[in-house]
Structures are given as structure tokens and as C-alpha cells.
């Protein structure tokens, strides 16, 4: 995986659902394209949304963690 969803949200692998939600809310406000005028805010906003959607769902989070662990072994 080329994108580290935990890194995007500033979390570790053991983050709870509440920690994921809090990190998402903080970052989404900071990088919202209507509030952040930097040229890369839209891309960062999308990265944050994608990372959140992946990690907030327990099934996709488990699959993501398993794939990352397997890639570290290889």
C-alpha cells in the first residue's frame, strides 16, 4: 500500500474508533477547501476522507492491517 491511512490521520495502529473520529474531525476542518486556500487542500481533504472511511469500518480496517503486515514480511 503506498498510502498509510494511519499516518494521514496522525494515528497509530491501535487507535480506537473515538480516536479515529476525533483525528478525522480535526483534520477535515483544517483542510476543508472552503477554509483552506492552499492549492493542495482539496487533495489532502480527499486523502483524509479516504483514510477515515477505511479505518472507521472494522472489516476494512482489519483487512488493511493484515495487508500491511503481510507487505512488511515480504
PDB file of N, CA and C in Angstrom:
ATOM      1  N   UNK A   1       0.848  -1.169   0.000  1.00  0.00           N
ATOM      2  CA  UNK A   1       0.000   0.000   0.000  1.00  0.00           C
ATOM      3  C   UNK A   1       0.899   1.239   0.000  1.00  0.00           C
ATOM      4  N   UNK A   2       0.656   2.137  -0.896  1.00  0.00           N
ATOM      5  CA  UNK A   2       1.502   3.311  -0.990  1.00  0.00           C
ATOM      6  C   UNK A   2       1.065   4.428  -0.054  1.00  0.00           C
ATOM      7  N   UNK A   3      -0.193   4.413   0.379  1.00  0.00           N
ATOM      8  CA  UNK A   3      -0.695   5.439   1.274  1.00  0.00           C
ATOM      9  C   UNK A   3      -0.909   4.824   2.649  1.00  0.00           C
ATOM     10  N   UNK A   4      -0.380   5.467   3.672  1.00  0.00           N
ATOM     11  CA  UNK A   4      -0.542   4.986   5.041  1.00  0.00           C
ATOM     12  C   UNK A   4      -1.679   5.772   5.698  1.00  0.00           C
ATOM     13  N   UNK A   5      -2.817   5.146   5.816  1.00  0.00           N
ATOM     14  CA  UNK A   5      -4.005   5.804   6.367  1.00  0.00           C
ATOM     15  C   UNK A   5      -3.793   6.252   7.808  1.00  0.00           C
ATOM     16  N   UNK A   6      -3.046   5.484   8.573  1.00  0.00           N
ATOM     17  CA  UNK A   6      -2.767   5.880   9.950  1.00  0.00           C
ATOM     18  C   UNK A   6      -1.919   7.152   9.984  1.00  0.00           C
ATOM     19  N   UNK A   7      -0.942   7.217   9.117  1.00  0.00           N
ATOM     20  CA  UNK A   7      -0.071   8.389   9.067  1.00  0.00           C
ATOM     21  C   UNK A   7      -0.855   9.633   8.645  1.00  0.00           C
ATOM     22  N   UNK A   8      -1.743   9.473   7.676  1.00  0.00           N
ATOM     23  CA  UNK A   8      -2.554  10.598   7.206  1.00  0.00           C
ATOM     24  C   UNK A   8      -3.359  11.193   8.355  1.00  0.00           C
ATOM     25  N   UNK A   9      -3.924  10.329   9.198  1.00  0.00           N
ATOM     26  CA  UNK A   9      -4.734  10.803  10.316  1.00  0.00           C
ATOM     27  C   UNK A   9      -3.912  11.055  11.579  1.00  0.00           C
ATOM     28  N   UNK A  10      -2.612  10.768  11.536  1.00  0.00           N
ATOM     29  CA  UNK A  10      -1.744  11.003  12.680  1.00  0.00           C
ATOM     30  C   UNK A  10      -2.017  10.043  13.823  1.00  0.00           C
ATOM     31  N   UNK A  11      -2.307   8.788  13.495  1.00  0.00           N
ATOM     32  CA  UNK A  11      -2.673   7.792  14.493  1.00  0.00           C
ATOM     33  C   UNK A  11      -1.725   6.601  14.464  1.00  0.00           C
ATOM     34  N   UNK A  12      -1.785   5.794  15.519  1.00  0.00           N
ATOM     35  CA  UNK A  12      -1.065   4.527  15.499  1.00  0.00           C
ATOM     36  C   UNK A  12      -2.053   3.406  15.208  1.00  0.00           C
ATOM     37  N   UNK A  13      -1.548   2.231  14.979  1.00  0.00           N
ATOM     38  CA  UNK A  13      -2.363   1.084  14.573  1.00  0.00           C
ATOM     39  C   UNK A  13      -3.395   0.689  15.626  1.00  0.00           C
ATOM     40  N   UNK A  14      -3.149   1.003  16.871  1.00  0.00           N
ATOM     41  CA  UNK A  14      -4.049   0.621  17.959  1.00  0.00           C
ATOM     42  C   UNK A  14      -5.094   1.690  18.283  1.00  0.00           C
ATOM     43  N   UNK A  15      -5.278   2.646  17.410  1.00  0.00           N
ATOM     44  CA  UNK A  15      -6.220   3.738  17.669  1.00  0.00           C
ATOM     45  C   UNK A  15      -7.651   3.214  17.795  1.00  0.00           C
ATOM     46  N   UNK A  16      -8.363   3.775  18.750  1.00  0.00           N
ATOM     47  CA  UNK A  16      -9.759   3.391  18.956  1.00  0.00           C
ATOM     48  C   UNK A  16     -10.646   4.112  17.941  1.00  0.00           C
ATOM     49  N   UNK A  17     -11.885   3.687  17.873  1.00  0.00           N
ATOM     50  CA  UNK A  17     -12.847   4.306  16.965  1.00  0.00           C
ATOM     51  C   UNK A  17     -13.024   5.794  17.303  1.00  0.00           C
ATOM     52  N   UNK A  18     -13.050   6.118  18.584  1.00  0.00           N
ATOM     53  CA  UNK A  18     -13.179   7.518  19.002  1.00  0.00           C
ATOM     54  C   UNK A  18     -11.958   8.338  18.601  1.00  0.00           C
ATOM     55  N   UNK A  19     -10.769   7.761  18.732  1.00  0.00           N
ATOM     56  CA  UNK A  19      -9.549   8.460  18.324  1.00  0.00           C
ATOM     57  C   UNK A  19      -9.548   8.706  16.816  1.00  0.00           C
ATOM     58  N   UNK A  20     -10.026   7.739  16.061  1.00  0.00           N
ATOM     59  CA  UNK A  20     -10.110   7.888  14.599  1.00  0.00           C
ATOM     60  C   UNK A  20     -11.074   9.017  14.254  1.00  0.00           C
ATOM     61  N   UNK A  21     -12.233   9.020  14.898  1.00  0.00           N
ATOM     62  CA  UNK A  21     -13.230  10.068  14.636  1.00  0.00           C
ATOM     63  C   UNK A  21     -12.700  11.448  15.003  1.00  0.00           C
ATOM     64  N   UNK A  22     -12.055  11.559  16.159  1.00  0.00           N
ATOM     65  CA  UNK A  22     -11.528  12.855  16.597  1.00  0.00           C
ATOM     66  C   UNK A  22     -10.444  13.378  15.668  1.00  0.00           C
ATOM     67  N   UNK A  23      -9.544  12.497  15.258  1.00  0.00           N
ATOM     68  CA  UNK A  23      -8.484  12.909  14.338  1.00  0.00           C
ATOM     69  C   UNK A  23      -9.081  13.355  13.005  1.00  0.00           C
ATOM     70  N   UNK A  24     -10.061  12.610  12.522  1.00  0.00           N
ATOM     71  CA  UNK A  24     -10.732  12.951  11.264  1.00  0.00           C
ATOM     72  C   UNK A  24     -11.384  14.329  11.354  1.00  0.00           C
ATOM     73  N   UNK A  25     -12.146  14.554  12.404  1.00  0.00           N
ATOM     74  CA  UNK A  25     -12.846  15.840  12.551  1.00  0.00           C
ATOM     75  C   UNK A  25     -11.878  17.020  12.598  1.00  0.00           C
ATOM     76  N   UNK A  26     -10.800  16.841  13.325  1.00  0.00           N
ATOM     77  CA  UNK A  26      -9.805  17.913  13.440  1.00  0.00           C
ATOM     78  C   UNK A  26      -9.181  18.226  12.077  1.00  0.00           C
ATOM     79  N   UNK A  27      -8.769  17.185  11.369  1.00  0.00           N
ATOM     80  CA  UNK A  27      -8.093  17.387  10.088  1.00  0.00           C
ATOM     81  C   UNK A  27      -9.038  17.856   8.991  1.00  0.00           C
ATOM     82  N   UNK A  28     -10.255  17.368   8.999  1.00  0.00           N
ATOM     83  CA  UNK A  28     -11.195  17.727   7.955  1.00  0.00           C
ATOM     84  C   UNK A  28     -11.542  19.217   8.044  1.00  0.00           C
ATOM     85  N   UNK A  29     -11.603  19.746   9.248  1.00  0.00           N
ATOM     86  CA  UNK A  29     -11.834  21.182   9.412  1.00  0.00           C
ATOM     87  C   UNK A  29     -10.633  21.996   8.952  1.00  0.00           C
ATOM     88  N   UNK A  30      -9.451  21.492   9.262  1.00  0.00           N
ATOM     89  CA  UNK A  30      -8.225  22.199   8.893  1.00  0.00           C
ATOM     90  C   UNK A  30      -8.017  22.245   7.379  1.00  0.00           C
ATOM     91  N   UNK A  31      -8.340  21.168   6.685  1.00  0.00           N
ATOM     92  CA  UNK A  31      -8.058  21.081   5.256  1.00  0.00           C
ATOM     93  C   UNK A  31      -9.280  21.253   4.358  1.00  0.00           C
ATOM     94  N   UNK A  32     -10.414  21.633   4.925  1.00  0.00           N
ATOM     95  CA  UNK A  32     -11.607  21.816   4.096  1.00  0.00           C
ATOM     96  C   UNK A  32     -11.307  22.893   3.046  1.00  0.00           C
ATOM     97  N   UNK A  33     -11.560  22.595   1.774  1.00  0.00           N
ATOM     98  CA  UNK A  33     -11.231  23.533   0.692  1.00  0.00           C
ATOM     99  C   UNK A  33     -11.899  24.907   0.819  1.00  0.00           C
ATOM    100  N   UNK A  34     -13.030  24.994   1.502  1.00  0.00           N
ATOM    101  CA  UNK A  34     -13.688  26.295   1.687  1.00  0.00           C
ATOM    102  C   UNK A  34     -12.973  27.147   2.735  1.00  0.00           C
ATOM    103  N   UNK A  35     -12.189  26.509   3.603  1.00  0.00           N
ATOM    104  CA  UNK A  35     -11.499  27.241   4.671  1.00  0.00           C
ATOM    105  C   UNK A  35      -9.991  27.324   4.469  1.00  0.00           C
ATOM    106  N   UNK A  36      -9.440  26.421   3.698  1.00  0.00           N
ATOM    107  CA  UNK A  36      -8.005  26.364   3.471  1.00  0.00           C
ATOM    108  C   UNK A  36      -7.747  26.717   2.008  1.00  0.00           C
ATOM    109  N   UNK A  37      -7.039  27.799   1.781  1.00  0.00           N
ATOM    110  CA  UNK A  37      -6.867  28.273   0.407  1.00  0.00           C
ATOM    111  C   UNK A  37      -5.614  27.727  -0.285  1.00  0.00           C
ATOM    112  N   UNK A  38      -4.865  26.876   0.403  1.00  0.00           N
ATOM    113  CA  UNK A  38      -3.679  26.321  -0.247  1.00  0.00           C
ATOM    114  C   UNK A  38      -4.102  25.450  -1.425  1.00  0.00           C
ATOM    115  N   UNK A  39      -3.245  25.380  -2.419  1.00  0.00           N
ATOM    116  CA  UNK A  39      -3.627  24.689  -3.652  1.00  0.00           C
ATOM    117  C   UNK A  39      -3.760  23.175  -3.486  1.00  0.00           C
ATOM    118  N   UNK A  40      -3.153  22.608  -2.471  1.00  0.00           N
ATOM    119  CA  UNK A  40      -3.249  21.156  -2.274  1.00  0.00           C
ATOM    120  C   UNK A  40      -4.267  20.747  -1.212  1.00  0.00           C
ATOM    121  N   UNK A  41      -5.056  21.701  -0.715  1.00  0.00           N
ATOM    122  CA  UNK A  41      -6.015  21.384   0.344  1.00  0.00           C
ATOM    123  C   UNK A  41      -7.095  20.408  -0.135  1.00  0.00           C
ATOM    124  N   UNK A  42      -7.519  20.514  -1.373  1.00  0.00           N
ATOM    125  CA  UNK A  42      -8.553  19.614  -1.893  1.00  0.00           C
ATOM    126  C   UNK A  42      -8.045  18.171  -1.920  1.00  0.00           C
ATOM    127  N   UNK A  43      -6.816  17.964  -2.381  1.00  0.00           N
ATOM    128  CA  UNK A  43      -6.240  16.620  -2.434  1.00  0.00           C
ATOM    129  C   UNK A  43      -6.056  16.059  -1.030  1.00  0.00           C
ATOM    130  N   UNK A  44      -5.586  16.888  -0.116  1.00  0.00           N
ATOM    131  CA  UNK A  44      -5.390  16.453   1.274  1.00  0.00           C
ATOM    132  C   UNK A  44      -6.738  16.108   1.915  1.00  0.00           C
ATOM    133  N   UNK A  45      -7.754  16.910   1.615  1.00  0.00           N
ATOM    134  CA  UNK A  45      -9.099  16.681   2.106  1.00  0.00           C
ATOM    135  C   UNK A  45      -9.604  15.306   1.670  1.00  0.00           C
ATOM    136  N   UNK A  46      -9.394  14.970   0.423  1.00  0.00           N
ATOM    137  CA  UNK A  46      -9.816  13.675  -0.118  1.00  0.00           C
ATOM    138  C   UNK A  46      -9.018  12.537   0.524  1.00  0.00           C
ATOM    139  N   UNK A  47      -7.720  12.723   0.717  1.00  0.00           N
ATOM    140  CA  UNK A  47      -6.893  11.719   1.392  1.00  0.00           C
ATOM    141  C   UNK A  47      -7.413  11.438   2.803  1.00  0.00           C
ATOM    142  N   UNK A  48      -7.767  12.493   3.512  1.00  0.00           N
ATOM    143  CA  UNK A  48      -8.267  12.364   4.878  1.00  0.00           C
ATOM    144  C   UNK A  48      -9.584  11.599   4.881  1.00  0.00           C
ATOM    145  N   UNK A  49     -10.480  11.936   3.973  1.00  0.00           N
ATOM    146  CA  UNK A  49     -11.765  11.243   3.882  1.00  0.00           C
ATOM    147  C   UNK A  49     -11.576   9.764   3.572  1.00  0.00           C
ATOM    148  N   UNK A  50     -10.691   9.470   2.641  1.00  0.00           N
ATOM    149  CA  UNK A  50     -10.435   8.081   2.249  1.00  0.00           C
ATOM    150  C   UNK A  50      -9.851   7.287   3.413  1.00  0.00           C
ATOM    151  N   UNK A  51      -8.889   7.873   4.101  1.00  0.00           N
ATOM    152  CA  UNK A  51      -8.275   7.199   5.255  1.00  0.00           C
ATOM    153  C   UNK A  51      -9.317   6.935   6.338  1.00  0.00           C
ATOM    154  N   UNK A  52     -10.155   7.912   6.596  1.00  0.00           N
ATOM    155  CA  UNK A  52     -11.197   7.753   7.616  1.00  0.00           C
ATOM    156  C   UNK A  52     -12.164   6.635   7.248  1.00  0.00           C
ATOM    157  N   UNK A  53     -12.644   6.642   6.018  1.00  0.00           N
ATOM    158  CA  UNK A  53     -13.593   5.616   5.577  1.00  0.00           C
ATOM    159  C   UNK A  53     -12.995   4.214   5.692  1.00  0.00           C
ATOM    160  N   UNK A  54     -11.718   4.101   5.425  1.00  0.00           N
ATOM    161  CA  UNK A  54     -11.047   2.810   5.523  1.00  0.00           C
ATOM    162  C   UNK A  54     -10.910   2.347   6.970  1.00  0.00           C
ATOM    163  N   UNK A  55     -10.524   3.252   7.848  1.00  0.00           N
ATOM    164  CA  UNK A  55     -10.221   2.869   9.224  1.00  0.00           C
ATOM    165  C   UNK A  55     -11.439   2.819  10.142  1.00  0.00           C
ATOM    166  N   UNK A  56     -12.496   3.518   9.816  1.00  0.00           N
ATOM    167  CA  UNK A  56     -13.656   3.538  10.712  1.00  0.00           C
ATOM    168  C   UNK A  56     -14.477   2.262  10.587  1.00  0.00           C
ATOM    169  N   UNK A  57     -14.401   1.603   9.467  1.00  0.00           N
ATOM    170  CA  UNK A  57     -15.119   0.340   9.266  1.00  0.00           C
ATOM    171  C   UNK A  57     -14.230  -0.799   9.759  1.00  0.00           C
ATOM    172  N   UNK A  58     -14.714  -1.535  10.724  1.00  0.00           N
ATOM    173  CA  UNK A  58     -13.897  -2.578  11.377  1.00  0.00           C
ATOM    174  C   UNK A  58     -13.410  -3.629  10.388  1.00  0.00           C
ATOM    175  N   UNK A  59     -14.249  -4.024   9.441  1.00  0.00           N
ATOM    176  CA  UNK A  59     -13.849  -5.050   8.475  1.00  0.00           C
ATOM    177  C   UNK A  59     -12.759  -4.549   7.532  1.00  0.00           C
ATOM    178  N   UNK A  60     -12.932  -3.336   7.015  1.00  0.00           N
ATOM    179  CA  UNK A  60     -11.914  -2.814   6.097  1.00  0.00           C
ATOM    180  C   UNK A  60     -10.620  -2.504   6.850  1.00  0.00           C
ATOM    181  N   UNK A  61     -10.728  -2.076   8.125  1.00  0.00           N
ATOM    182  CA  UNK A  61      -9.538  -1.808   8.936  1.00  0.00           C
ATOM    183  C   UNK A  61      -8.745  -3.093   9.169  1.00  0.00           C
ATOM    184  N   UNK A  62      -9.446  -4.180   9.484  1.00  0.00           N
ATOM    185  CA  UNK A  62      -8.765  -5.457   9.706  1.00  0.00           C
ATOM    186  C   UNK A  62      -8.072  -5.941   8.439  1.00  0.00           C
ATOM    187  N   UNK A  63      -8.736  -5.800   7.301  1.00  0.00           N
ATOM    188  CA  UNK A  63      -8.147  -6.213   6.032  1.00  0.00           C
ATOM    189  C   UNK A  63      -6.922  -5.342   5.696  1.00  0.00           C
ATOM    190  N   UNK A  64      -7.054  -4.053   5.922  1.00  0.00           N
ATOM    191  CA  UNK A  64      -5.958  -3.116   5.680  1.00  0.00           C
ATOM    192  C   UNK A  64      -4.751  -3.465   6.558  1.00  0.00           C
ATOM    193  N   UNK A  65      -5.003  -3.714   7.835  1.00  0.00           N
ATOM    194  CA  UNK A  65      -3.922  -4.070   8.765  1.00  0.00           C
ATOM    195  C   UNK A  65      -3.244  -5.372   8.340  1.00  0.00           C
ATOM    196  N   UNK A  66      -4.040  -6.346   7.933  1.00  0.00           N
ATOM    197  CA  UNK A  66      -3.495  -7.636   7.522  1.00  0.00           C
ATOM    198  C   UNK A  66      -2.618  -7.481   6.277  1.00  0.00           C
ATOM    199  N   UNK A  67      -3.099  -6.711   5.300  1.00  0.00           N
ATOM    200  CA  UNK A  67      -2.303  -6.486   4.086  1.00  0.00           C
ATOM    201  C   UNK A  67      -0.995  -5.756   4.387  1.00  0.00           C
ATOM    202  N   UNK A  68      -1.064  -4.765   5.257  1.00  0.00           N
ATOM    203  CA  UNK A  68       0.149  -4.032   5.642  1.00  0.00           C
ATOM    204  C   UNK A  68       1.140  -4.939   6.362  1.00  0.00           C
ATOM    205  N   UNK A  69       0.647  -5.788   7.238  1.00  0.00           N
ATOM    206  CA  UNK A  69       1.517  -6.720   7.963  1.00  0.00           C
ATOM    207  C   UNK A  69       2.179  -7.694   6.987  1.00  0.00           C
ATOM    208  N   UNK A  70       1.421  -8.183   6.019  1.00  0.00           N
ATOM    209  CA  UNK A  70       1.970  -9.107   5.027  1.00  0.00           C
ATOM    210  C   UNK A  70       3.030  -8.438   4.164  1.00  0.00           C
ATOM    211  N   UNK A  71       2.817  -7.181   3.816  1.00  0.00           N
ATOM    212  CA  UNK A  71       3.799  -6.470   2.991  1.00  0.00           C
ATOM    213  C   UNK A  71       5.086  -6.219   3.766  1.00  0.00           C
ATOM    214  N   UNK A  72       4.991  -6.023   5.065  1.00  0.00           N
ATOM    215  CA  UNK A  72       6.181  -5.812   5.871  1.00  0.00           C
ATOM    216  C   UNK A  72       7.028  -7.070   5.961  1.00  0.00           C
ATOM    217  N   UNK A  73       6.355  -8.224   5.913  1.00  0.00           N
ATOM    218  CA  UNK A  73       7.070  -9.510   5.961  1.00  0.00           C
ATOM    219  C   UNK A  73       7.822  -9.744   4.657  1.00  0.00           C
ATOM    220  N   UNK A  74       7.184  -9.423   3.545  1.00  0.00           N
ATOM    221  CA  UNK A  74       7.801  -9.657   2.231  1.00  0.00           C
ATOM    222  C   UNK A  74       8.749  -8.577   1.951  1.00  0.00           C
TER     223      UNK A  74
END
